[in-house]
Amino acid sequence: MTDCIFCKIINKDIPAKIAYEDEEMLVFHDIQPKAAVHLLIIPKKHITSLAHTTAEDTLLLGKLLQKTAILAKEFGLTDGYKTQINTGIGGGQEVFHLHLHVLGTPKPK
């Protein structure tokens, strides 16, 4: 998708503060954070929304969720955190590339 902002971030056409990257996903800090920690986890495969996933995407979805737990711990969200996937216009989705929000406040050390 040439007009997808998240695809442009994946392709490094637009800068982002990257927290994690592998061959299947990219994780970066939201530019308009709603919490002390606000990460976006996106698949590198363009999927418009959760409603557009297929059985073929099952393993990828599991990996995204598993990485959520790992990153939450790494970012100090040991008291808990919120995960959110907005799906479609009615669900508040603004960027039409599947993405998972991870929000929380690190536990003081």
C-alpha atoms as a PDB file:
ATOM      1  CA  MET A   1       0.000   0.000   0.000  1.00  0.00           C
ATOM      2  CA  THR A   2       1.711   3.144  -1.167  1.00  0.00           C
ATOM      3  CA  ASP A   3      -0.539   5.535   0.760  1.00  0.00           C
ATOM      4  CA  CYS A   4      -0.499   3.707   4.111  1.00  0.00           C
ATOM      5  CA  ILE A   5       1.429   5.694   6.719  1.00  0.00           C
ATOM      6  CA  PHE A   6       2.344   2.535   8.664  1.00  0.00           C
ATOM      7  CA  CYS A   7       3.665   0.861   5.515  1.00  0.00           C
ATOM      8  CA  LYS A   8       5.780   3.975   4.971  1.00  0.00           C
ATOM      9  CA  ILE A   9       7.134   3.625   8.521  1.00  0.00           C
ATOM     10  CA  ILE A  10       7.898  -0.061   7.879  1.00  0.00           C
ATOM     11  CA  ASN A  11       9.751   0.909   4.682  1.00  0.00           C
ATOM     12  CA  LYS A  12      11.634   3.650   6.610  1.00  0.00           C
ATOM     13  CA  ASP A  13      10.159   6.355   4.350  1.00  0.00           C
ATOM     14  CA  ILE A  14       8.823   8.076   7.490  1.00  0.00           C
ATOM     15  CA  PRO A  15      10.855   8.159  10.707  1.00  0.00           C
ATOM     16  CA  ALA A  16       9.578   6.589  13.915  1.00  0.00           C
ATOM     17  CA  LYS A  17      10.995   5.902  17.354  1.00  0.00           C
ATOM     18  CA  ILE A  18      11.318   2.146  16.975  1.00  0.00           C
ATOM     19  CA  ALA A  19      11.150  -0.016  20.085  1.00  0.00           C
ATOM     20  CA  TYR A  20      11.426  -3.419  18.393  1.00  0.00           C
ATOM     21  CA  GLU A  21      11.635  -4.910  14.918  1.00  0.00           C
ATOM     22  CA  ASP A  22      11.871  -8.360  13.413  1.00  0.00           C
ATOM     23  CA  GLU A  23      10.953  -9.911  10.065  1.00  0.00           C
ATOM     24  CA  GLU A  24       7.217  -9.947  10.843  1.00  0.00           C
ATOM     25  CA  MET A  25       6.487  -6.905  12.983  1.00  0.00           C
ATOM     26  CA  LEU A  26       7.508  -3.403  13.909  1.00  0.00           C
ATOM     27  CA  VAL A  27       6.900  -1.724  17.264  1.00  0.00           C
ATOM     28  CA  PHE A  28       7.189   2.012  17.694  1.00  0.00           C
ATOM     29  CA  HIS A  29       6.183   4.780  20.081  1.00  0.00           C
ATOM     30  CA  ASP A  30       2.921   6.579  19.309  1.00  0.00           C
ATOM     31  CA  ILE A  31       3.547  10.194  18.286  1.00  0.00           C
ATOM     32  CA  GLN A  32       0.485  11.301  20.268  1.00  0.00           C
ATOM     33  CA  PRO A  33       0.816   9.152  23.405  1.00  0.00           C
ATOM     34  CA  LYS A  34      -2.174   8.661  25.663  1.00  0.00           C
ATOM     35  CA  ALA A  35      -0.046   7.197  28.491  1.00  0.00           C
ATOM     36  CA  ALA A  36       3.535   7.308  29.769  1.00  0.00           C
ATOM     37  CA  VAL A  37       4.184   4.237  27.608  1.00  0.00           C
ATOM     38  CA  HIS A  38       2.183   4.064  24.380  1.00  0.00           C
ATOM     39  CA  LEU A  39       3.496   1.579  21.853  1.00  0.00           C
ATOM     40  CA  LEU A  40       2.023   0.552  18.527  1.00  0.00           C
ATOM     41  CA  ILE A  41       2.626  -3.018  17.406  1.00  0.00           C
ATOM     42  CA  ILE A  42       2.054  -3.572  13.702  1.00  0.00           C
ATOM     43  CA  PRO A  43       2.540  -6.496  11.354  1.00  0.00           C
ATOM     44  CA  LYS A  44       4.822  -5.796   8.411  1.00  0.00           C
ATOM     45  CA  LYS A  45       2.247  -7.525   6.240  1.00  0.00           C
ATOM     46  CA  HIS A  46      -0.389  -4.962   5.332  1.00  0.00           C
ATOM     47  CA  ILE A  47      -3.682  -6.046   6.862  1.00  0.00           C
ATOM     48  CA  THR A  48      -6.350  -3.347   6.821  1.00  0.00           C
ATOM     49  CA  SER A  49      -7.919  -4.257  10.170  1.00  0.00           C
ATOM     50  CA  LEU A  50      -8.615  -7.136  12.522  1.00  0.00           C
ATOM     51  CA  ALA A  51     -11.802  -7.734  10.503  1.00  0.00           C
ATOM     52  CA  HIS A  52      -9.629  -8.412   7.439  1.00  0.00           C
ATOM     53  CA  THR A  53      -7.583 -11.208   8.996  1.00  0.00           C
ATOM     54  CA  THR A  54      -7.887 -14.788   7.821  1.00  0.00           C
ATOM     55  CA  ALA A  55      -6.924 -18.176   9.191  1.00  0.00           C
ATOM     56  CA  GLU A  56      -3.588 -17.622   7.433  1.00  0.00           C
ATOM     57  CA  ASP A  57      -2.897 -14.773   9.910  1.00  0.00           C
ATOM     58  CA  THR A  58      -3.490 -16.811  13.084  1.00  0.00           C
ATOM     59  CA  LEU A  59       0.192 -17.428  13.880  1.00  0.00           C
ATOM     60  CA  LEU A  60       1.096 -13.795  13.176  1.00  0.00           C
ATOM     61  CA  LEU A  61      -1.676 -12.549  15.489  1.00  0.00           C
ATOM     62  CA  GLY A  62      -0.398 -14.818  18.242  1.00  0.00           C
ATOM     63  CA  LYS A  63       3.118 -13.480  17.797  1.00  0.00           C
ATOM     64  CA  LEU A  64       1.870  -9.896  18.046  1.00  0.00           C
ATOM     65  CA  LEU A  65       0.088 -10.671  21.316  1.00  0.00           C
ATOM     66  CA  GLN A  66       3.031 -12.591  22.729  1.00  0.00           C
ATOM     67  CA  LYS A  67       5.360  -9.691  21.929  1.00  0.00           C
ATOM     68  CA  THR A  68       2.919  -7.385  23.738  1.00  0.00           C
ATOM     69  CA  ALA A  69       3.525  -9.187  27.029  1.00  0.00           C
ATOM     70  CA  ILE A  70       7.297  -9.206  26.538  1.00  0.00           C
ATOM     71  CA  LEU A  71       7.469  -5.499  25.695  1.00  0.00           C
ATOM     72  CA  ALA A  72       5.148  -4.531  28.550  1.00  0.00           C
ATOM     73  CA  LYS A  73       7.570  -6.145  30.979  1.00  0.00           C
ATOM     74  CA  GLU A  74      10.589  -4.530  29.279  1.00  0.00           C
ATOM     75  CA  PHE A  75       8.957  -1.098  29.560  1.00  0.00           C
ATOM     76  CA  GLY A  76       8.185  -1.566  33.256  1.00  0.00           C
ATOM     77  CA  LEU A  77       4.445  -2.111  32.967  1.00  0.00           C
ATOM     78  CA  THR A  78       4.518  -4.708  35.736  1.00  0.00           C
ATOM     79  CA  ASP A  79       1.358  -3.456  37.481  1.00  0.00           C
ATOM     80  CA  GLY A  80      -0.652  -3.966  34.310  1.00  0.00           C
ATOM     81  CA  TYR A  81      -1.320  -2.306  31.006  1.00  0.00           C
ATOM     82  CA  LYS A  82      -4.074  -1.745  28.487  1.00  0.00           C
ATOM     83  CA  THR A  83      -4.148  -3.276  25.012  1.00  0.00           C
ATOM     84  CA  GLN A  84      -6.461  -1.940  22.359  1.00  0.00           C
ATOM     85  CA  ILE A  85      -7.241  -2.793  18.749  1.00  0.00           C
ATOM     86  CA  ASN A  86      -9.600  -0.346  17.045  1.00  0.00           C
ATOM     87  CA  THR A  87     -11.381  -1.998  14.123  1.00  0.00           C
ATOM     88  CA  GLY A  88     -13.123  -0.029  11.409  1.00  0.00           C
ATOM     89  CA  ILE A  89     -14.460   3.502  11.417  1.00  0.00           C
ATOM     90  CA  GLY A  90     -17.145   2.638  13.975  1.00  0.00           C
ATOM     91  CA  GLY A  91     -14.467   1.158  16.244  1.00  0.00           C
ATOM     92  CA  GLY A  92     -12.362   4.301  16.177  1.00  0.00           C
ATOM     93  CA  GLN A  93      -9.712   3.075  13.732  1.00  0.00           C
ATOM     94  CA  GLU A  94      -7.880   6.023  12.164  1.00  0.00           C
ATOM     95  CA  VAL A  95      -5.007   4.303  10.351  1.00  0.00           C
ATOM     96  CA  PHE A  96      -6.187   1.402   8.234  1.00  0.00           C
ATOM     97  CA  HIS A  97      -3.296  -0.956   8.904  1.00  0.00           C
ATOM     98  CA  LEU A  98      -3.860  -3.415  11.736  1.00  0.00           C
ATOM     99  CA  HIS A  99      -2.191  -2.136  14.897  1.00  0.00           C
ATOM    100  CA  LEU A 100      -2.273  -2.937  18.574  1.00  0.00           C
ATOM    101  CA  HIS A 101      -1.927  -0.184  21.168  1.00  0.00           C
ATOM    102  CA  VAL A 102      -0.077  -0.963  24.409  1.00  0.00           C
ATOM    103  CA  LEU A 103      -0.608   1.703  27.071  1.00  0.00           C
ATOM    104  CA  GLY A 104       0.490   1.982  30.676  1.00  0.00           C
ATOM    105  CA  THR A 105       2.513   3.659  33.370  1.00  0.00           C
ATOM    106  CA  PRO A 106       5.753   2.055  34.512  1.00  0.00           C
ATOM    107  CA  LYS A 107       5.879   0.945  38.126  1.00  0.00           C
ATOM    108  CA  PRO A 108       8.271   3.158  40.112  1.00  0.00           C
ATOM    109  CA  LYS A 109      11.525   1.423  40.991  1.00  0.00           C
END
